[in-house]
Protein backbone atom coordinates (compact mmCIF):
# COMPACT_ATOMS: atom_id res chain seq x y z
CA MET A 1 0.05 -0.11 -0.03
CA GLY A 2 1.47 3.28 -0.97
CA ARG A 3 1.83 6.52 1.01
CA VAL A 4 -1.52 8.11 -0.79
CA ASP A 5 -3.33 4.80 -0.16
CA LYS A 6 -2.59 4.94 3.53
CA VAL A 7 -3.62 8.75 3.98
CA LEU A 8 -6.73 8.14 1.98
CA MET A 9 -7.57 4.97 4.20
CA LYS A 10 -6.92 6.88 7.34
CA LYS A 11 -9.31 9.62 6.28
CA LEU A 12 -11.80 6.99 5.32
CA VAL A 13 -11.52 5.25 8.72
CA LYS A 14 -11.77 8.54 10.39
CA ALA A 15 -14.85 9.61 8.57
CA GLU A 16 -16.52 6.05 9.41
CA ARG A 17 -15.64 6.37 13.02
CA GLU A 18 -17.31 9.91 13.23
CA ARG A 19 -20.57 8.55 11.26
CA LEU A 20 -20.70 5.55 13.76
CA TYR A 21 -20.34 7.74 16.79
CA GLY A 22 -22.82 10.27 15.64
CA HIS A 23 -25.22 7.20 15.10
CA ARG A 24 -24.50 5.85 18.65
CA HIS A 25 -24.95 9.24 20.31
CA SER A 26 -28.22 9.88 18.47
CA LYS A 27 -29.41 6.64 20.28
CA SER A 28 -27.88 7.29 23.68
CA ILE A 29 -29.91 8.52 26.89
CA PRO A 30 -28.64 9.98 30.04
CA VAL A 31 -27.33 7.66 32.55
CA LYS A 32 -30.15 8.89 35.09
CA GLN A 33 -32.87 8.04 32.68
CA TRP A 34 -31.49 4.58 31.83
CA TRP A 35 -31.05 4.01 35.63
CA VAL A 36 -34.83 4.99 36.32
CA GLU A 37 -36.03 2.74 33.43
CA GLU A 38 -33.78 -0.01 34.50
CA ARG A 39 -34.93 0.11 38.21
CA LYS A 40 -38.72 0.14 37.22
CA LYS A 41 -37.98 -2.84 35.22
CA ILE A 42 -36.42 -4.64 38.04
CA ILE A 43 -39.22 -3.60 40.55
CA GLU A 44 -41.96 -4.70 38.25
CA LYS A 45 -39.86 -7.93 37.08
CA ASN A 46 -40.56 -6.73 33.61
CA MET A 47 -37.96 -8.31 31.70
CA ARG A 48 -37.13 -11.55 29.59
CA LYS A 49 -37.34 -14.48 31.84
CA GLU A 50 -33.61 -15.54 31.41
CA ILE A 51 -32.69 -12.18 32.78
CA LEU A 52 -34.83 -12.44 35.68
CA GLU A 53 -33.50 -15.97 36.42
CA MET A 54 -30.02 -14.47 36.16
CA TYR A 55 -30.83 -11.96 38.75
CA ARG A 56 -32.46 -14.32 40.89
CA LYS A 57 -29.40 -16.71 40.80
CA SER A 58 -27.07 -13.77 41.46
CA VAL A 59 -28.68 -12.39 44.40
CA CYS A 60 -28.46 -15.43 46.44
CA PHE A 61 -24.69 -14.30 47.05
CA ASP A 62 -24.76 -11.84 49.98
CA GLY A 63 -22.18 -9.51 48.59
CA TYR A 64 -23.93 -9.22 45.23
CA ASN A 65 -27.24 -8.86 46.71
CA LYS A 66 -26.00 -5.83 48.80
CA HIS A 67 -24.34 -4.36 45.91
CA PHE A 68 -27.73 -4.90 43.72
CA THR A 69 -30.08 -3.64 46.18
CA GLY A 70 -27.89 -0.57 47.07
CA PHE A 71 -27.17 0.42 43.49
CA CYS A 72 -30.81 -0.16 42.31
CA GLN A 73 -32.04 1.62 45.67
CA LEU A 74 -34.21 -1.36 46.43
CA ASP A 75 -35.49 -2.37 50.11
CA GLU A 76 -33.33 -4.55 51.86
CA ASP A 77 -36.10 -7.15 51.85
CA PHE A 78 -36.86 -6.82 48.13
CA LYS A 79 -37.17 -10.08 46.22
CA ILE A 80 -36.76 -10.70 42.69
């Protein structure tokens, strides 16, 4: 690959990265909004059964249960 080809390739890659970044950015939401939406799904148990089962198996470990309930600001006696 010649020098001109490398320069052109760098420009094309940069343009593609910027296009992809713009696309991802247009679909993004603020973290606070994401957290509120995810917390609501957890409280209502409104998720795929596989995800629900994963949470149920994970919270049986005290350390993770404390982290999970703390992060989601759930009552200590919350059961998923």
